[in-house]
Amino acid sequence: MNFLEQAARAERLAGTVMDSYAADALMRYARECREWAARTADHSTSPAHSMTVTDTARLTDTETQLTL
């Protein structure tokens, strides 16, 4: 079961319980599940390697050009 399914299930259950503390806890859990689902979606659409490697030789050439 994925996070969105868990969130929907918790929200449905929260609507049926009579105890406000339990309903609040279920809604908090549902919110956390939705946040985890959003984070998981963000990671799946981001590039595999978000860090770039800087070519230090090119930096040296640029520094020389800027000082002229």
Protein backbone atom coordinates (compact mmCIF):
# COMPACT_ATOMS: atom_id res chain seq x y z
CA MET A 1 0.00 0.00 0.00
CA ASN A 2 1.49 3.36 -0.98
CA PHE A 3 1.46 6.58 1.05
CA LEU A 4 -1.53 8.10 -0.76
CA GLU A 5 -3.62 4.97 -0.16
CA GLN A 6 -2.65 5.01 3.51
CA ALA A 7 -3.57 8.69 3.75
CA ALA A 8 -6.99 8.13 2.17
CA ARG A 9 -7.65 5.18 4.45
CA ALA A 10 -6.67 7.16 7.56
CA GLU A 11 -8.91 10.05 6.49
CA ARG A 12 -11.87 7.72 5.98
CA LEU A 13 -11.29 6.11 9.37
CA ALA A 14 -10.94 9.52 11.05
CA GLY A 15 -14.42 10.38 9.80
CA THR A 16 -15.94 7.34 11.49
CA VAL A 17 -14.37 7.46 14.97
CA MET A 18 -16.12 9.27 17.78
CA ASP A 19 -13.00 10.09 19.79
CA SER A 20 -11.60 13.49 18.78
CA TYR A 21 -8.08 12.56 19.94
CA ALA A 22 -8.08 9.48 17.68
CA ALA A 23 -9.52 11.47 14.78
CA ASP A 24 -6.82 14.13 15.17
CA ALA A 25 -4.10 11.47 15.32
CA LEU A 26 -5.44 9.81 12.17
CA MET A 27 -5.55 13.15 10.33
CA ARG A 28 -1.95 13.90 11.40
CA TYR A 29 -0.93 10.49 10.10
CA ALA A 30 -2.75 11.13 6.82
CA ARG A 31 -0.97 14.48 6.45
CA GLU A 32 2.41 12.83 7.08
CA CYS A 33 1.62 10.16 4.49
CA ARG A 34 0.79 12.81 1.92
CA GLU A 35 4.05 14.63 2.71
CA TRP A 36 6.01 11.40 2.28
CA ALA A 37 4.22 10.74 -1.00
CA ALA A 38 5.16 14.22 -2.22
CA ARG A 39 8.79 13.72 -1.22
CA THR A 40 8.89 10.36 -2.95
CA ALA A 41 7.43 11.93 -6.10
CA ASP A 42 10.02 14.74 -5.95
CA HIS A 43 12.86 12.23 -5.76
CA SER A 44 11.53 10.16 -8.62
CA THR A 45 11.39 13.17 -10.96
CA SER A 46 14.72 14.69 -9.95
CA PRO A 47 17.91 13.84 -11.84
CA ALA A 48 19.88 10.87 -10.57
CA HIS A 49 22.91 13.04 -9.85
CA SER A 50 21.88 16.49 -8.75
CA MET A 51 25.42 17.56 -7.87
CA THR A 52 27.63 18.88 -10.63
CA VAL A 53 31.36 18.46 -10.79
CA THR A 54 33.32 21.62 -11.41
CA ASP A 55 36.26 21.51 -13.78
CA THR A 56 38.97 23.25 -11.74
CA ALA A 57 41.17 23.82 -14.80
CA ARG A 58 38.44 25.97 -16.32
CA LEU A 59 38.10 27.92 -13.08
CA THR A 60 41.80 28.77 -13.22
CA ASP A 61 41.45 30.03 -16.80
CA THR A 62 38.46 32.18 -15.81
CA GLU A 63 40.29 33.67 -12.85
CA THR A 64 43.19 34.61 -15.12
CA GLN A 65 40.86 36.29 -17.58
CA LEU A 66 39.09 38.25 -14.84
CA THR A 67 42.33 39.65 -13.48
CA LEU A 68 43.42 41.09 -16.85
